[in-house]
Amino acid sequence: MADEEQHISTVDVRAGSTPHIVRYVLGISLALVVIVMLLVLWR
Protein backbone atom coordinates (compact mmCIF):
# COMPACT_ATOMS: atom_id res chain seq x y z
CA MET A 1 0.00 0.00 0.00
CA ALA A 2 1.17 3.54 -0.72
CA ASP A 3 0.21 4.91 2.72
CA GLU A 4 2.67 2.75 4.67
CA GLU A 5 5.80 4.34 6.11
CA GLN A 6 9.11 3.27 4.68
CA HIS A 7 12.06 2.75 7.01
CA ILE A 8 15.39 2.93 5.23
CA SER A 9 18.69 2.56 7.09
CA THR A 10 21.11 5.48 7.14
CA VAL A 11 23.74 3.54 5.24
CA ASP A 12 21.33 2.79 2.40
CA VAL A 13 20.12 6.38 2.22
CA ARG A 14 23.63 7.79 2.30
CA ALA A 15 24.77 5.43 -0.48
CA GLY A 16 28.44 6.13 0.02
CA SER A 17 31.23 6.75 2.42
CA THR A 18 31.59 9.87 4.53
CA PRO A 19 35.27 10.75 4.78
CA HIS A 20 36.38 12.94 7.66
CA ILE A 21 38.32 15.29 5.37
CA VAL A 22 35.63 17.94 5.86
CA ARG A 23 36.71 18.39 9.48
CA TYR A 24 40.27 19.08 8.41
CA VAL A 25 39.22 21.50 5.67
CA LEU A 26 36.99 23.45 8.06
CA GLY A 27 39.65 23.50 10.78
CA ILE A 28 42.41 24.69 8.46
CA SER A 29 40.12 27.30 6.88
CA LEU A 30 39.11 28.62 10.29
CA ALA A 31 42.74 28.83 11.39
CA LEU A 32 43.70 30.70 8.21
CA VAL A 33 40.85 33.18 8.63
CA VAL A 34 41.84 33.86 12.23
CA ILE A 35 45.49 34.40 11.23
CA VAL A 36 44.51 36.76 8.39
CA MET A 37 42.20 38.75 10.65
CA LEU A 38 44.92 39.06 13.28
CA LEU A 39 47.36 40.29 10.65
CA VAL A 40 44.83 42.85 9.38
CA LEU A 41 44.08 44.11 12.88
CA TRP A 42 47.78 44.14 13.81
CA ARG A 43 48.54 46.89 11.29
C-alpha atoms as a PDB file:
ATOM      1  CA  MET A   1       0.000   0.000   0.000  1.00  0.00           C
ATOM      2  CA  ALA A   2       1.173   3.538  -0.717  1.00  0.00           C
ATOM      3  CA  ASP A   3       0.210   4.910   2.722  1.00  0.00           C
ATOM      4  CA  GLU A   4       2.675   2.752   4.666  1.00  0.00           C
ATOM      5  CA  GLU A   5       5.802   4.336   6.110  1.00  0.00           C
ATOM      6  CA  GLN A   6       9.108   3.271   4.681  1.00  0.00           C
ATOM      7  CA  HIS A   7      12.060   2.750   7.007  1.00  0.00           C
ATOM      8  CA  ILE A   8      15.394   2.926   5.233  1.00  0.00           C
ATOM      9  CA  SER A   9      18.688   2.561   7.085  1.00  0.00           C
ATOM     10  CA  THR A  10      21.108   5.483   7.142  1.00  0.00           C
ATOM     11  CA  VAL A  11      23.743   3.544   5.242  1.00  0.00           C
ATOM     12  CA  ASP A  12      21.327   2.792   2.403  1.00  0.00           C
ATOM     13  CA  VAL A  13      20.122   6.378   2.222  1.00  0.00           C
ATOM     14  CA  ARG A  14      23.632   7.789   2.297  1.00  0.00           C
ATOM     15  CA  ALA A  15      24.774   5.428  -0.477  1.00  0.00           C
ATOM     16  CA  GLY A  16      28.445   6.129   0.017  1.00  0.00           C
ATOM     17  CA  SER A  17      31.234   6.752   2.424  1.00  0.00           C
ATOM     18  CA  THR A  18      31.588   9.867   4.530  1.00  0.00           C
ATOM     19  CA  PRO A  19      35.273  10.755   4.776  1.00  0.00           C
ATOM     20  CA  HIS A  20      36.384  12.937   7.662  1.00  0.00           C
ATOM     21  CA  ILE A  21      38.325  15.286   5.371  1.00  0.00           C
ATOM     22  CA  VAL A  22      35.629  17.940   5.862  1.00  0.00           C
ATOM     23  CA  ARG A  23      36.710  18.387   9.481  1.00  0.00           C
ATOM     24  CA  TYR A  24      40.268  19.082   8.405  1.00  0.00           C
ATOM     25  CA  VAL A  25      39.223  21.496   5.670  1.00  0.00           C
ATOM     26  CA  LEU A  26      36.993  23.445   8.062  1.00  0.00           C
ATOM     27  CA  GLY A  27      39.653  23.495  10.776  1.00  0.00           C
ATOM     28  CA  ILE A  28      42.408  24.689   8.459  1.00  0.00           C
ATOM     29  CA  SER A  29      40.121  27.299   6.877  1.00  0.00           C
ATOM     30  CA  LEU A  30      39.108  28.619  10.288  1.00  0.00           C
ATOM     31  CA  ALA A  31      42.737  28.834  11.388  1.00  0.00           C
ATOM     32  CA  LEU A  32      43.704  30.704   8.214  1.00  0.00           C
ATOM     33  CA  VAL A  33      40.853  33.175   8.630  1.00  0.00           C
ATOM     34  CA  VAL A  34      41.839  33.856  12.228  1.00  0.00           C
ATOM     35  CA  ILE A  35      45.485  34.399  11.225  1.00  0.00           C
ATOM     36  CA  VAL A  36      44.514  36.758   8.390  1.00  0.00           C
ATOM     37  CA  MET A  37      42.197  38.749  10.648  1.00  0.00           C
ATOM     38  CA  LEU A  38      44.916  39.055  13.282  1.00  0.00           C
ATOM     39  CA  LEU A  39      47.360  40.288  10.646  1.00  0.00           C
ATOM     40  CA  VAL A  40      44.834  42.849   9.383  1.00  0.00           C
ATOM     41  CA  LEU A  41      44.080  44.111  12.878  1.00  0.00           C
ATOM     42  CA  TRP A  42      47.784  44.142  13.814  1.00  0.00           C
ATOM     43  CA  ARG A  43      48.538  46.891  11.287  1.00  0.00           C
END
